[in-house]
């Protein structure tokens, strides 16, 4: 991908994307990277990403991120199928792991 040099046309044309010039520039670079790399854009907030990460790593006290839709999760976008978020989502004959309670964690 070539260097990306912002100009006034960019800031005027995409003023609806953000209020500050740096946010418009950041949006444009992200959009160009998504398109050039043939990636799927993830629109989850950073806060929701951290909740999902904590849940997937089975951190003590992590709650199931019920507000996240399976349609927006990265696993479905990349693999074309619903992501497995817990062992209960797997049929009994496909379970490859089991949950173990860790009482020694701080």
Protein backbone atom coordinates (compact mmCIF):
# COMPACT_ATOMS: atom_id res chain seq x y z
CA UNK A 1 0.00 0.00 0.00
CA UNK A 2 1.46 3.41 -0.91
CA UNK A 3 2.00 6.24 1.55
CA UNK A 4 -1.19 8.02 2.54
CA UNK A 5 -1.04 11.81 2.42
CA UNK A 6 -4.22 13.60 3.63
CA UNK A 7 -5.44 16.73 1.84
CA UNK A 8 -8.27 19.24 2.20
CA UNK A 9 -10.49 17.23 -0.13
CA UNK A 10 -10.34 14.29 2.29
CA UNK A 11 -11.26 16.44 5.28
CA UNK A 12 -14.11 18.21 3.47
CA UNK A 13 -15.57 15.13 1.78
CA UNK A 14 -15.53 12.93 4.88
CA UNK A 15 -16.36 15.54 7.50
CA UNK A 16 -19.36 13.40 8.47
CA UNK A 17 -17.08 10.60 9.74
CA UNK A 18 -15.71 12.55 12.72
CA UNK A 19 -15.38 16.04 14.13
CA UNK A 20 -11.59 16.42 14.38
CA UNK A 21 -9.15 16.25 11.48
CA UNK A 22 -7.06 13.55 13.14
CA UNK A 23 -10.17 11.35 13.54
CA UNK A 24 -11.05 11.76 9.86
CA UNK A 25 -7.48 10.86 8.93
CA UNK A 26 -7.56 7.83 11.26
CA UNK A 27 -10.88 6.71 9.76
CA UNK A 28 -9.52 7.07 6.21
CA UNK A 29 -6.34 5.09 6.96
CA UNK A 30 -8.36 2.34 8.68
CA UNK A 31 -10.81 2.22 5.78
CA UNK A 32 -7.98 2.02 3.24
CA UNK A 33 -6.28 -0.79 5.20
CA UNK A 34 -9.53 -2.76 5.50
CA UNK A 35 -10.17 -2.47 1.77
CA UNK A 36 -6.58 -3.06 0.61
CA UNK A 37 -6.10 -6.03 2.92
CA UNK A 38 -9.54 -7.51 2.22
CA UNK A 39 -10.29 -7.49 5.95
CA UNK A 40 -13.62 -7.24 7.75
CA UNK A 41 -14.06 -4.13 9.84
CA UNK A 42 -14.92 -4.81 13.47
CA UNK A 43 -17.19 -2.11 14.85
CA UNK A 44 -17.10 -3.25 18.49
CA UNK A 45 -15.98 -0.69 21.02
CA UNK A 46 -12.68 -1.28 22.78
CA UNK A 47 -14.59 -1.76 26.03
CA UNK A 48 -16.64 -4.58 24.48
CA UNK A 49 -13.51 -6.16 23.01
CA UNK A 50 -11.92 -6.26 26.47
CA UNK A 51 -15.06 -7.82 27.97
CA UNK A 52 -15.08 -10.48 25.26
CA UNK A 53 -11.35 -11.15 25.72
CA UNK A 54 -11.76 -11.56 29.49
CA UNK A 55 -14.65 -13.97 28.97
CA UNK A 56 -12.77 -16.04 26.38
CA UNK A 57 -9.72 -16.26 28.67
CA UNK A 58 -12.00 -17.43 31.50
CA UNK A 59 -10.71 -14.75 33.86
CA UNK A 60 -12.26 -14.86 37.33
CA UNK A 61 -15.26 -12.55 37.53
CA UNK A 62 -15.59 -12.18 33.77
CA UNK A 63 -19.20 -12.08 32.68
CA UNK A 64 -20.61 -13.49 29.49
CA UNK A 65 -20.79 -10.59 27.05
CA UNK A 66 -24.52 -10.96 26.40
CA UNK A 67 -24.70 -7.63 24.57
CA UNK A 68 -22.42 -8.85 21.79
CA UNK A 69 -24.18 -10.17 18.74
CA UNK A 70 -22.74 -13.24 17.01
CA UNK A 71 -23.03 -11.33 13.73
CA UNK A 72 -20.37 -8.85 14.84
CA UNK A 73 -17.90 -11.24 16.40
CA UNK A 74 -14.63 -11.61 14.54
CA UNK A 75 -14.79 -15.40 14.46
CA UNK A 76 -17.94 -15.42 12.39
CA UNK A 77 -16.64 -12.74 10.04
CA UNK A 78 -13.38 -14.57 9.42
CA UNK A 79 -14.60 -18.16 9.36
CA UNK A 80 -18.08 -17.70 7.93
CA UNK A 81 -19.70 -19.50 10.86
CA UNK A 82 -20.88 -18.79 14.36
CA UNK A 83 -18.03 -18.56 16.83
CA UNK A 84 -17.90 -20.99 19.72
CA UNK A 85 -17.93 -18.90 22.85
CA UNK A 86 -18.14 -21.65 25.45
CA UNK A 87 -18.16 -25.45 25.73
CA UNK A 88 -21.97 -25.42 25.96
CA UNK A 89 -22.02 -24.25 22.31
CA UNK A 90 -20.34 -27.47 21.17
CA UNK A 91 -22.28 -30.71 20.67
CA UNK A 92 -21.31 -33.32 23.29
CA UNK A 93 -19.34 -35.41 20.82
CA UNK A 94 -17.21 -32.45 19.70
CA UNK A 95 -16.07 -31.13 23.07
CA UNK A 96 -12.30 -30.82 22.92
CA UNK A 97 -11.80 -29.34 26.36
CA UNK A 98 -13.54 -29.02 29.68
CA UNK A 99 -13.82 -26.18 32.13
CA UNK A 100 -11.78 -26.51 35.29
CA UNK A 101 -12.46 -24.37 38.33
CA UNK A 102 -9.31 -22.60 39.47
CA UNK A 103 -9.57 -21.69 43.11
CA UNK A 104 -5.90 -20.80 43.52
CA UNK A 105 -6.07 -17.66 41.33
CA UNK A 106 -5.86 -14.27 42.93
